[in-house]
Amino acid sequence: MPAHETPETHAQPRWRRTGNAYFPVAAAVDGQWWVLRINSFPDHPLWTLFVNGVRRLDIDDAPPSWGEPAARSAPALEPGLHAEVLNPVRGLVAYGSEVGEPCDNPFCCG
């Protein structure tokens, strides 16, 4: 399903900085944790969205309703939530790892 057709593209997440280089922002949306992974662009889509640790979509441009996910002005994630939010995706740093095919190209993901 193309990203423009998913329900997630119409949501208005309030992004929080996580302090993690691979998963820089997260948001609580309708009781679920959204986490964005930044990928090696342009070799891969710029972002991968995970909802409760499950990949939902890859995108190059965030939908307008998302605001600017990487904005430095976004507040930090509340203390004590880092483990809850990032543990489900911690092992999914490489693009494709969420489907069992992690990119091993040394030029983009090495």
PDB file of N, CA and C in Angstrom:
ATOM      1  N   MET A   1       0.846  -1.171   0.000  1.00  0.00           N
ATOM      2  CA  MET A   1       0.000   0.000   0.000  1.00  0.00           C
ATOM      3  C   MET A   1       0.899   1.244   0.000  1.00  0.00           C
ATOM      4  N   PRO A   2       0.730   2.147  -0.963  1.00  0.00           N
ATOM      5  CA  PRO A   2       1.533   3.360  -0.966  1.00  0.00           C
ATOM      6  C   PRO A   2       1.317   4.184   0.289  1.00  0.00           C
ATOM      7  N   ALA A   3       2.354   4.885   0.704  1.00  0.00           N
ATOM      8  CA  ALA A   3       2.293   5.663   1.946  1.00  0.00           C
ATOM      9  C   ALA A   3       1.145   6.645   1.952  1.00  0.00           C
ATOM     10  N   HIS A   4       0.804   7.225   0.808  1.00  0.00           N
ATOM     11  CA  HIS A   4      -0.250   8.230   0.796  1.00  0.00           C
ATOM     12  C   HIS A   4      -1.632   7.645   1.048  1.00  0.00           C
ATOM     13  N   GLU A   5      -1.757   6.330   1.078  1.00  0.00           N
ATOM     14  CA  GLU A   5      -3.038   5.679   1.294  1.00  0.00           C
ATOM     15  C   GLU A   5      -3.189   5.072   2.684  1.00  0.00           C
ATOM     16  N   THR A   6      -2.219   5.250   3.546  1.00  0.00           N
ATOM     17  CA  THR A   6      -2.307   4.641   4.865  1.00  0.00           C
ATOM     18  C   THR A   6      -2.939   5.598   5.865  1.00  0.00           C
ATOM     19  N   PRO A   7      -3.606   5.068   6.870  1.00  0.00           N
ATOM     20  CA  PRO A   7      -4.199   5.928   7.901  1.00  0.00           C
ATOM     21  C   PRO A   7      -3.150   6.764   8.633  1.00  0.00           C
ATOM     22  N   GLU A   8      -1.935   6.242   8.734  1.00  0.00           N
ATOM     23  CA  GLU A   8      -0.882   6.954   9.461  1.00  0.00           C
ATOM     24  C   GLU A   8      -0.562   8.308   8.831  1.00  0.00           C
ATOM     25  N   THR A   9      -0.726   8.432   7.539  1.00  0.00           N
ATOM     26  CA  THR A   9      -0.356   9.685   6.883  1.00  0.00           C
ATOM     27  C   THR A   9      -1.310  10.827   7.214  1.00  0.00           C
ATOM     28  N   HIS A  10      -2.439  10.518   7.817  1.00  0.00           N
ATOM     29  CA  HIS A  10      -3.398  11.565   8.176  1.00  0.00           C
ATOM     30  C   HIS A  10      -3.342  11.927   9.658  1.00  0.00           C
ATOM     31  N   ALA A  11      -2.581  11.171  10.419  1.00  0.00           N
ATOM     32  CA  ALA A  11      -2.451  11.446  11.861  1.00  0.00           C
ATOM     33  C   ALA A  11      -1.596  12.685  12.077  1.00  0.00           C
ATOM     34  N   GLN A  12      -1.674  13.216  13.292  1.00  0.00           N
ATOM     35  CA  GLN A  12      -0.896  14.394  13.657  1.00  0.00           C
ATOM     36  C   GLN A  12      -0.048  14.080  14.887  1.00  0.00           C
ATOM     37  N   PRO A  13       1.013  13.273  14.676  1.00  0.00           N
ATOM     38  CA  PRO A  13       1.861  12.897  15.815  1.00  0.00           C
ATOM     39  C   PRO A  13       2.574  14.102  16.402  1.00  0.00           C
ATOM     40  N   ARG A  14       2.780  14.056  17.700  1.00  0.00           N
ATOM     41  CA  ARG A  14       3.569  15.079  18.386  1.00  0.00           C
ATOM     42  C   ARG A  14       4.913  14.437  18.696  1.00  0.00           C
ATOM     43  N   TRP A  15       5.868  14.662  17.805  1.00  0.00           N
ATOM     44  CA  TRP A  15       7.165  14.001  17.879  1.00  0.00           C
ATOM     45  C   TRP A  15       7.953  14.439  19.099  1.00  0.00           C
ATOM     46  N   ARG A  16       8.698  13.484  19.656  1.00  0.00           N
ATOM     47  CA  ARG A  16       9.597  13.718  20.793  1.00  0.00           C
ATOM     48  C   ARG A  16      10.969  13.180  20.401  1.00  0.00           C
ATOM     49  N   ARG A  17      12.007  13.905  20.706  1.00  0.00           N
ATOM     50  CA  ARG A  17      13.369  13.445  20.440  1.00  0.00           C
ATOM     51  C   ARG A  17      13.717  12.310  21.395  1.00  0.00           C
ATOM     52  N   THR A  18      14.361  11.280  20.870  1.00  0.00           N
ATOM     53  CA  THR A  18      14.716  10.121  21.697  1.00  0.00           C
ATOM     54  C   THR A  18      16.167  10.137  22.141  1.00  0.00           C
ATOM     55  N   GLY A  19      17.010  10.890  21.440  1.00  0.00           N
ATOM     56  CA  GLY A  19      18.437  10.863  21.731  1.00  0.00           C
ATOM     57  C   GLY A  19      19.146   9.709  21.053  1.00  0.00           C
ATOM     58  N   ASN A  20      18.442   8.923  20.256  1.00  0.00           N
ATOM     59  CA  ASN A  20      19.011   7.778  19.551  1.00  0.00           C
ATOM     60  C   ASN A  20      19.284   8.180  18.099  1.00  0.00           C
ATOM     61  N   ALA A  21      20.486   7.946  17.616  1.00  0.00           N
ATOM     62  CA  ALA A  21      20.870   8.360  16.264  1.00  0.00           C
ATOM     63  C   ALA A  21      20.083   7.634  15.169  1.00  0.00           C
ATOM     64  N   TYR A  22      19.703   6.382  15.383  1.00  0.00           N
ATOM     65  CA  TYR A  22      19.000   5.605  14.369  1.00  0.00           C
ATOM     66  C   TYR A  22      17.482   5.790  14.433  1.00  0.00           C
ATOM     67  N   PHE A  23      16.983   6.004  15.608  1.00  0.00           N
ATOM     68  CA  PHE A  23      15.551   6.190  15.841  1.00  0.00           C
ATOM     69  C   PHE A  23      15.377   7.530  16.571  1.00  0.00           C
ATOM     70  N   PRO A  24      15.522   8.646  15.833  1.00  0.00           N
ATOM     71  CA  PRO A  24      15.629   9.948  16.488  1.00  0.00           C
ATOM     72  C   PRO A  24      14.355  10.503  17.105  1.00  0.00           C
ATOM     73  N   VAL A  25      13.186  10.044  16.638  1.00  0.00           N
ATOM     74  CA  VAL A  25      11.944  10.596  17.179  1.00  0.00           C
ATOM     75  C   VAL A  25      10.895   9.515  17.378  1.00  0.00           C
ATOM     76  N   ALA A  26      10.013   9.789  18.325  1.00  0.00           N
ATOM     77  CA  ALA A  26       8.897   8.887  18.626  1.00  0.00           C
ATOM     78  C   ALA A  26       7.701   9.739  19.015  1.00  0.00           C
ATOM     79  N   ALA A  27       6.523   9.144  18.920  1.00  0.00           N
ATOM     80  CA  ALA A  27       5.294   9.846  19.307  1.00  0.00           C
ATOM     81  C   ALA A  27       4.278   8.819  19.800  1.00  0.00           C
ATOM     82  N   ALA A  28       3.526   9.202  20.800  1.00  0.00           N
ATOM     83  CA  ALA A  28       2.408   8.374  21.256  1.00  0.00           C
ATOM     84  C   ALA A  28       1.184   8.807  20.450  1.00  0.00           C
ATOM     85  N   VAL A  29       0.618   7.871  19.679  1.00  0.00           N
ATOM     86  CA  VAL A  29      -0.529   8.169  18.825  1.00  0.00           C
ATOM     87  C   VAL A  29      -1.602   7.126  19.097  1.00  0.00           C
ATOM     88  N   ASP A  30      -2.738   7.563  19.602  1.00  0.00           N
ATOM     89  CA  ASP A  30      -3.861   6.663  19.880  1.00  0.00           C
ATOM     90  C   ASP A  30      -3.446   5.436  20.683  1.00  0.00           C
ATOM     91  N   GLY A  31      -2.613   5.643  21.695  1.00  0.00           N
ATOM     92  CA  GLY A  31      -2.204   4.566  22.588  1.00  0.00           C
ATOM     93  C   GLY A  31      -1.125   3.656  22.030  1.00  0.00           C
ATOM     94  N   GLN A  32      -0.546   4.020  20.893  1.00  0.00           N
ATOM     95  CA  GLN A  32       0.518   3.223  20.291  1.00  0.00           C
ATOM     96  C   GLN A  32       1.762   4.090  20.145  1.00  0.00           C
ATOM     97  N   TRP A  33       2.928   3.444  20.251  1.00  0.00           N
ATOM     98  CA  TRP A  33       4.173   4.177  20.063  1.00  0.00           C
ATOM     99  C   TRP A  33       4.597   4.125  18.611  1.00  0.00           C
ATOM    100  N   TRP A  34       4.771   5.296  18.033  1.00  0.00           N
ATOM    101  CA  TRP A  34       5.323   5.437  16.701  1.00  0.00           C
ATOM    102  C   TRP A  34       6.797   5.787  16.855  1.00  0.00           C
ATOM    103  N   VAL A  35       7.637   5.131  16.076  1.00  0.00           N
ATOM    104  CA  VAL A  35       9.070   5.410  16.082  1.00  0.00           C
ATOM    105  C   VAL A  35       9.524   5.530  14.637  1.00  0.00           C
ATOM    106  N   LEU A  36      10.270   6.585  14.335  1.00  0.00           N
ATOM    107  CA  LEU A  36      10.839   6.748  13.000  1.00  0.00           C
ATOM    108  C   LEU A  36      12.308   6.350  13.003  1.00  0.00           C
ATOM    109  N   ARG A  37      12.665   5.493  12.049  1.00  0.00           N
ATOM    110  CA  ARG A  37      14.070   5.165  11.826  1.00  0.00           C
ATOM    111  C   ARG A  37      14.539   6.008  10.650  1.00  0.00           C
ATOM    112  N   ILE A  38      15.688   6.625  10.796  1.00  0.00           N
ATOM    113  CA  ILE A  38      16.279   7.354   9.677  1.00  0.00           C
ATOM    114  C   ILE A  38      17.179   6.382   8.929  1.00  0.00           C
ATOM    115  N   ASN A  39      16.999   6.325   7.619  1.00  0.00           N
ATOM    116  CA  ASN A  39      17.725   5.381   6.782  1.00  0.00           C
ATOM    117  C   ASN A  39      18.815   6.085   5.976  1.00  0.00           C
ATOM    118  N   SER A  40      19.607   5.308   5.282  1.00  0.00           N
ATOM    119  CA  SER A  40      20.673   5.842   4.428  1.00  0.00           C
ATOM    120  C   SER A  40      20.076   6.299   3.105  1.00  0.00           C
ATOM    121  N   PHE A  41      19.660   7.542   3.082  1.00  0.00           N
ATOM    122  CA  PHE A  41      19.056   8.155   1.911  1.00  0.00           C
ATOM    123  C   PHE A  41      20.175   8.686   1.022  1.00  0.00           C
ATOM    124  N   PRO A  42      20.167   8.551  -0.270  1.00  0.00           N
ATOM    125  CA  PRO A  42      19.064   8.148  -1.149  1.00  0.00           C
ATOM    126  C   PRO A  42      19.055   6.665  -1.515  1.00  0.00           C
ATOM    127  N   ASP A  43      19.954   5.872  -0.929  1.00  0.00           N
ATOM    128  CA  ASP A  43      19.967   4.445  -1.247  1.00  0.00           C
ATOM    129  C   ASP A  43      18.715   3.727  -0.761  1.00  0.00           C
ATOM    130  N   HIS A  44      18.100   4.269   0.278  1.00  0.00           N
ATOM    131  CA  HIS A  44      16.867   3.714   0.847  1.00  0.00           C
ATOM    132  C   HIS A  44      15.931   4.882   1.135  1.00  0.00           C
ATOM    133  N   PRO A  45      14.653   4.605   1.362  1.00  0.00           N
ATOM    134  CA  PRO A  45      13.754   5.695   1.745  1.00  0.00           C
ATOM    135  C   PRO A  45      14.296   6.411   2.985  1.00  0.00           C
ATOM    136  N   LEU A  46      14.032   7.700   3.088  1.00  0.00           N
ATOM    137  CA  LEU A  46      14.565   8.489   4.187  1.00  0.00           C
ATOM    138  C   LEU A  46      14.112   7.974   5.549  1.00  0.00           C
ATOM    139  N   TRP A  47      12.830   7.635   5.682  1.00  0.00           N
ATOM    140  CA  TRP A  47      12.260   7.210   6.963  1.00  0.00           C
ATOM    141  C   TRP A  47      11.573   5.863   6.843  1.00  0.00           C
ATOM    142  N   THR A  48      11.590   5.096   7.933  1.00  0.00           N
ATOM    143  CA  THR A  48      10.727   3.929   8.106  1.00  0.00           C
ATOM    144  C   THR A  48       9.946   4.159   9.384  1.00  0.00           C
ATOM    145  N   LEU A  49       8.628   4.038   9.293  1.00  0.00           N
ATOM    146  CA  LEU A  49       7.756   4.195  10.459  1.00  0.00           C
ATOM    147  C   LEU A  49       7.461   2.827  11.051  1.00  0.00           C
ATOM    148  N   PHE A  50       7.695   2.717  12.363  1.00  0.00           N
ATOM    149  CA  PHE A  50       7.322   1.532  13.128  1.00  0.00           C
ATOM    150  C   PHE A  50       6.213   1.924  14.094  1.00  0.00           C
ATOM    151  N   VAL A  51       5.201   1.085  14.204  1.00  0.00           N
ATOM    152  CA  VAL A  51       4.119   1.297  15.167  1.00  0.00           C
ATOM    153  C   VAL A  51       4.156   0.111  16.122  1.00  0.00           C
ATOM    154  N   ASN A  52       4.432   0.395  17.384  1.00  0.00           N
ATOM    155  CA  ASN A  52       4.596  -0.650  18.397  1.00  0.00           C
ATOM    156  C   ASN A  52       5.590  -1.728  17.934  1.00  0.00           C
ATOM    157  N   GLY A  53       6.669  -1.297  17.283  1.00  0.00           N
ATOM    158  CA  GLY A  53       7.728  -2.211  16.872  1.00  0.00           C
ATOM    159  C   GLY A  53       7.509  -2.908  15.546  1.00  0.00           C
ATOM    160  N   VAL A  54       6.392  -2.646  14.872  1.00  0.00           N
ATOM    161  CA  VAL A  54       6.083  -3.292  13.595  1.00  0.00           C
ATOM    162  C   VAL A  54       6.190  -2.258  12.478  1.00  0.00           C
ATOM    163  N   ARG A  55       6.933  -2.609  11.414  1.00  0.00           N
ATOM    164  CA  ARG A  55       7.081  -1.692  10.292  1.00  0.00           C
ATOM    165  C   ARG A  55       5.727  -1.440   9.636  1.00  0.00           C
ATOM    166  N   ARG A  56       5.438  -0.147   9.422  1.00  0.00           N
ATOM    167  CA  ARG A  56       4.187   0.225   8.755  1.00  0.00           C
ATOM    168  C   ARG A  56       4.415   0.789   7.368  1.00  0.00           C
ATOM    169  N   LEU A  57       5.437   1.652   7.202  1.00  0.00           N
ATOM    170  CA  LEU A  57       5.673   2.217   5.888  1.00  0.00           C
ATOM    171  C   LEU A  57       7.042   2.872   5.794  1.00  0.00           C
ATOM    172  N   ASP A  58       7.503   3.011   4.547  1.00  0.00           N
ATOM    173  CA  ASP A  58       8.722   3.729   4.218  1.00  0.00           C
ATOM    174  C   ASP A  58       8.307   4.994   3.478  1.00  0.00           C
ATOM    175  N   ILE A  59       8.957   6.106   3.786  1.00  0.00           N
ATOM    176  CA  ILE A  59       8.643   7.362   3.109  1.00  0.00           C
ATOM    177  C   ILE A  59       9.911   8.191   2.919  1.00  0.00           C
ATOM    178  N   ASP A  60       9.881   9.029   1.896  1.00  0.00           N
ATOM    179  CA  ASP A  60      10.958   9.985   1.680  1.00  0.00           C
ATOM    180  C   ASP A  60      10.592  11.343   2.249  1.00  0.00           C
ATOM    181  N   ASP A  61       9.342  11.725   2.122  1.00  0.00           N
ATOM    182  CA  ASP A  61       8.869  13.010   2.626  1.00  0.00           C
ATOM    183  C   ASP A  61       7.761  12.772   3.644  1.00  0.00           C
ATOM    184  N   ALA A  62       7.909  13.364   4.810  1.00  0.00           N
ATOM    185  CA  ALA A  62       6.874  13.226   5.836  1.00  0.00           C
ATOM    186  C   ALA A  62       5.599  13.924   5.365  1.00  0.00           C
ATOM    187  N   PRO A  63       4.444  13.313   5.605  1.00  0.00           N
ATOM    188  CA  PRO A  63       3.191  13.967   5.245  1.00  0.00           C
ATOM    189  C   PRO A  63       3.063  15.307   5.975  1.00  0.00           C
ATOM    190  N   PRO A  64       2.400  16.286   5.382  1.00  0.00           N
ATOM    191  CA  PRO A  64       2.249  17.589   6.030  1.00  0.00           C
ATOM    192  C   PRO A  64       1.664  17.505   7.440  1.00  0.00           C
ATOM    193  N   SER A  65       0.770  16.553   7.672  1.00  0.00           N
ATOM    194  CA  SER A  65       0.150  16.440   9.001  1.00  0.00           C
ATOM    195  C   SER A  65       1.146  16.017  10.078  1.00  0.00           C
ATOM    196  N   TRP A  66       2.313  15.512   9.677  1.00  0.00           N
ATOM    197  CA  TRP A  66       3.339  15.080  10.628  1.00  0.00           C
ATOM    198  C   TRP A  66       4.217  16.228  11.081  1.00  0.00           C
ATOM    199  N   GLY A  67       4.113  17.379  10.446  1.00  0.00           N
ATOM    200  CA  GLY A  67       5.013  18.465  10.793  1.00  0.00           C
ATOM    201  C   GLY A  67       6.421  18.125  10.339  1.00  0.00           C
ATOM    202  N   GLU A  68       7.393  18.598  11.088  1.00  0.00           N
ATOM    203  CA  GLU A  68       8.800  18.337  10.777  1.00  0.00           C
ATOM    204  C   GLU A  68       9.358  17.375  11.816  1.00  0.00           C
ATOM    205  N   PRO A  69       9.363  16.056  11.524  1.00  0.00           N
ATOM    206  CA  PRO A  69       9.791  15.089  12.538  1.00  0.00           C
ATOM    207  C   PRO A  69      11.187  15.338  13.098  1.00  0.00           C
ATOM    208  N   ALA A  70      12.106  15.796  12.261  1.00  0.00           N
ATOM    209  CA  ALA A  70      13.493  15.952  12.702  1.00  0.00           C
ATOM    210  C   ALA A  70      13.792  17.339  13.281  1.00  0.00           C
ATOM    211  N   ALA A  71      12.773  18.112  13.559  1.00  0.00           N
ATOM    212  CA  ALA A  71      12.986  19.469  14.077  1.00  0.00           C
ATOM    213  C   ALA A  71      13.700  19.434  15.427  1.00  0.00           C
ATOM    214  N   ARG A  72      14.744  20.224  15.537  1.00  0.00           N
ATOM    215  CA  ARG A  72      15.479  20.301  16.811  1.00  0.00           C
ATOM    216  C   ARG A  72      14.626  20.911  17.915  1.00  0.00           C
ATOM    217  N   SER A  73      13.571  21.590  17.527  1.00  0.00           N
ATOM    218  CA  SER A  73      12.700  22.217  18.517  1.00  0.00           C
ATOM    219  C   SER A  73      11.739  21.231  19.174  1.00  0.00           C
ATOM    220  N   ALA A  74      11.679  20.000  18.670  1.00  0.00           N
ATOM    221  CA  ALA A  74      10.794  18.994  19.282  1.00  0.00           C
ATOM    222  C   ALA A  74      11.268  18.719  20.698  1.00  0.00           C
ATOM    223  N   PRO A  75      10.337  18.590  21.634  1.00  0.00           N
ATOM    224  CA  PRO A  75      10.739  18.297  23.015  1.00  0.00           C
ATOM    225  C   PRO A  75      11.315  16.886  23.138  1.00  0.00           C
ATOM    226  N   ALA A  76      12.080  16.673  24.168  1.00  0.00           N
ATOM    227  CA  ALA A  76      12.660  15.353  24.435  1.00  0.00           C
ATOM    228  C   ALA A  76      11.591  14.412  24.980  1.00  0.00           C
ATOM    229  N   LEU A  77      11.791  13.138  24.730  1.00  0.00           N
ATOM    230  CA  LEU A  77      10.927  12.096  25.283  1.00  0.00           C
ATOM    231  C   LEU A  77      11.015  12.146  26.800  1.00  0.00           C
ATOM    232  N   GLU A  78       9.922  11.939  27.463  1.00  0.00           N
ATOM    233  CA  GLU A  78       9.877  11.996  28.912  1.00  0.00           C
ATOM    234  C   GLU A  78      10.834  10.972  29.520  1.00  0.00           C
ATOM    235  N   PRO A  79      11.513  11.345  30.596  1.00  0.00           N
ATOM    236  CA  PRO A  79      12.447  10.412  31.256  1.00  0.00           C
ATOM    237  C   PRO A  79      11.732   9.109  31.632  1.00  0.00           C
ATOM    238  N   GLY A  80      12.442   8.028  31.473  1.00  0.00           N
ATOM    239  CA  GLY A  80      11.896   6.732  31.850  1.00  0.00           C
ATOM    240  C   GLY A  80      11.142   6.014  30.744  1.00  0.00           C
ATOM    241  N   LEU A  81      10.887   6.679  29.611  1.00  0.00           N
ATOM    242  CA  LEU A  81      10.138   6.036  28.534  1.00  0.00           C
ATOM    243  C   LEU A  81      11.026   5.456  27.433  1.00  0.00           C
ATOM    244  N   HIS A  82      12.315   5.771  27.458  1.00  0.00           N
ATOM    245  CA  HIS A  82      13.197   5.332  26.375  1.00  0.00           C
ATOM    246  C   HIS A  82      13.152   3.820  26.154  1.00  0.00           C
ATOM    247  N   ALA A  83      13.270   3.041  27.199  1.00  0.00           N
ATOM    248  CA  ALA A  83      13.287   1.582  27.049  1.00  0.00           C
ATOM    249  C   ALA A  83      11.964   1.081  26.485  1.00  0.00           C
ATOM    250  N   GLU A  84      10.858   1.559  27.016  1.00  0.00           N
ATOM    251  CA  GLU A  84       9.538   1.132  26.538  1.00  0.00           C
ATOM    252  C   GLU A  84       9.352   1.437  25.060  1.00  0.00           C
ATOM    253  N   VAL A  85       9.806   2.602  24.645  1.00  0.00           N
ATOM    254  CA  VAL A  85       9.594   3.056  23.277  1.00  0.00           C
ATOM    255  C   VAL A  85      10.575   2.410  22.300  1.00  0.00           C
ATOM    256  N   LEU A  86      11.846   2.320  22.676  1.00  0.00           N
ATOM    257  CA  LEU A  86      12.869   1.865  21.734  1.00  0.00           C
ATOM    258  C   LEU A  86      13.190   0.377  21.770  1.00  0.00           C
ATOM    259  N   ASN A  87      12.885  -0.331  22.844  1.00  0.00           N
ATOM    260  CA  ASN A  87      13.203  -1.763  22.902  1.00  0.00           C
ATOM    261  C   ASN A  87      12.609  -2.571  21.744  1.00  0.00           C
ATOM    262  N   PRO A  88      11.368  -2.324  21.317  1.00  0.00           N
ATOM    263  CA  PRO A  88      10.824  -3.128  20.215  1.00  0.00           C
ATOM    264  C   PRO A  88      11.549  -2.953  18.878  1.00  0.00           C
ATOM    265  N   VAL A  89      12.294  -1.853  18.706  1.00  0.00           N
ATOM    266  CA  VAL A  89      12.971  -1.614  17.430  1.00  0.00           C
ATOM    267  C   VAL A  89      14.491  -1.653  17.537  1.00  0.00           C
ATOM    268  N   ARG A  90      15.006  -1.826  18.720  1.00  0.00           N
ATOM    269  CA  ARG A  90      16.448  -1.723  18.974  1.00  0.00           C
ATOM    270  C   ARG A  90      17.290  -2.580  18.019  1.00  0.00           C
ATOM    271  N   GLY A  91      16.843  -3.758  17.651  1.00  0.00           N
ATOM    272  CA  GLY A  91      17.597  -4.633  16.765  1.00  0.00           C
ATOM    273  C   GLY A  91      17.309  -4.416  15.287  1.00  0.00           C
ATOM    274  N   LEU A  92      16.584  -3.354  14.956  1.00  0.00           N
ATOM    275  CA  LEU A  92      16.173  -3.110  13.570  1.00  0.00           C
ATOM    276  C   LEU A  92      16.845  -1.879  12.984  1.00  0.00           C
ATOM    277  N   VAL A  93      18.118  -1.714  13.262  1.00  0.00           N
ATOM    278  CA  VAL A  93      18.851  -0.528  12.815  1.00  0.00           C
ATOM    279  C   VAL A  93      19.063  -0.528  11.307  1.00  0.00           C
ATOM    280  N   ALA A  94      19.462  -1.653  10.725  1.00  0.00           N
ATOM    281  CA  ALA A  94      19.745  -1.719   9.284  1.00  0.00           C
ATOM    282  C   ALA A  94      18.450  -1.746   8.489  1.00  0.00           C
ATOM    283  N   TYR A  95      18.427  -1.000   7.398  1.00  0.00           N
ATOM    284  CA  TYR A  95      17.263  -1.019   6.518  1.00  0.00           C
ATOM    285  C   TYR A  95      17.005  -2.451   6.061  1.00  0.00           C
ATOM    286  N   GLY A  96      15.774  -2.886   6.127  1.00  0.00           N
ATOM    287  CA  GLY A  96      15.389  -4.237   5.723  1.00  0.00           C
ATOM    288  C   GLY A  96      15.446  -5.263   6.832  1.00  0.00           C
ATOM    289  N   SER A  97      16.071  -4.927   7.960  1.00  0.00           N
ATOM    290  CA  SER A  97      16.179  -5.902   9.053  1.00  0.00           C
ATOM    291  C   SER A  97      14.811  -6.297   9.592  1.00  0.00           C
ATOM    292  N   GLU A  98      13.846  -5.421   9.462  1.00  0.00           N
ATOM    293  CA  GLU A  98      12.498  -5.714   9.961  1.00  0.00           C
ATOM    294  C   GLU A  98      11.790  -6.793   9.162  1.00  0.00           C
ATOM    295  N   VAL A  99      12.307  -7.118   7.967  1.00  0.00           N
ATOM    296  CA  VAL A  99      11.739  -8.204   7.165  1.00  0.00           C
ATOM    297  C   VAL A  99      12.734  -9.344   6.988  1.00  0.00           C
ATOM    298  N   GLY A 100      13.782  -9.347   7.821  1.00  0.00           N
ATOM    299  CA  GLY A 100      14.762 -10.421   7.795  1.00  0.00           C
ATOM    300  C   GLY A 100      15.802 -10.299   6.691  1.00  0.00           C
ATOM    301  N   GLU A 101      15.889  -9.147   6.041  1.00  0.00           N
ATOM    302  CA  GLU A 101      16.849  -8.928   4.968  1.00  0.00           C
ATOM    303  C   GLU A 101      17.616  -7.627   5.204  1.00  0.00           C
ATOM    304  N   PRO A 102      18.438  -7.571   6.257  1.00  0.00           N
ATOM    305  CA  PRO A 102      19.154  -6.323   6.541  1.00  0.00           C
ATOM    306  C   PRO A 102      20.144  -5.973   5.437  1.00  0.00           C
ATOM    307  N   CYS A 103      20.166  -4.708   5.082  1.00  0.00           N
ATOM    308  CA  CYS A 103      21.113  -4.230   4.077  1.00  0.00           C
ATOM    309  C   CYS A 103      22.523  -4.379   4.638  1.00  0.00           C
ATOM    310  N   ASP A 104      23.404  -4.957   3.838  1.00  0.00           N
ATOM    311  CA  ASP A 104      24.781  -5.108   4.285  1.00  0.00           C
ATOM    312  C   ASP A 104      25.746  -4.415   3.328  1.00  0.00           C
ATOM    313  N   ASN A 105      25.242  -3.512   2.522  1.00  0.00           N
ATOM    314  CA  ASN A 105      26.067  -2.747   1.607  1.00  0.00           C
ATOM    315  C   ASN A 105      26.942  -1.791   2.416  1.00  0.00           C
ATOM    316  N   PRO A 106      28.257  -1.913   2.323  1.00  0.00           N
ATOM    317  CA  PRO A 106      29.137  -1.062   3.144  1.00  0.00           C
ATOM    318  C   PRO A 106      29.063   0.421   2.794  1.00  0.00           C
ATOM    319  N   PHE A 107      28.545   0.753   1.610  1.00  0.00           N
ATOM    320  CA  PHE A 107      28.466   2.159   1.206  1.00  0.00           C
ATOM    321  C   PHE A 107      27.259   2.872   1.771  1.00  0.00           C
ATOM    322  N   CYS A 108      26.180   2.169   2.060  1.00  0.00           N
ATOM    323  CA  CYS A 108      25.002   2.853   2.590  1.00  0.00           C
ATOM    324  C   CYS A 108      24.647   2.398   4.003  1.00  0.00           C
ATOM    325  N   CYS A 109      24.913   1.162   4.338  1.00  0.00           N
ATOM    326  CA  CYS A 109      24.488   0.661   5.639  1.00  0.00           C
ATOM    327  C   CYS A 109      25.634   0.056   6.459  1.00  0.00           C
ATOM    328  N   GLY A 110      26.820   0.093   5.918  1.00  0.00           N
ATOM    329  CA  GLY A 110      27.951  -0.551   6.588  1.00  0.00           C
ATOM    330  C   GLY A 110      28.482   0.277   7.660  1.00  0.00           C
TER     331      GLY A 110
END
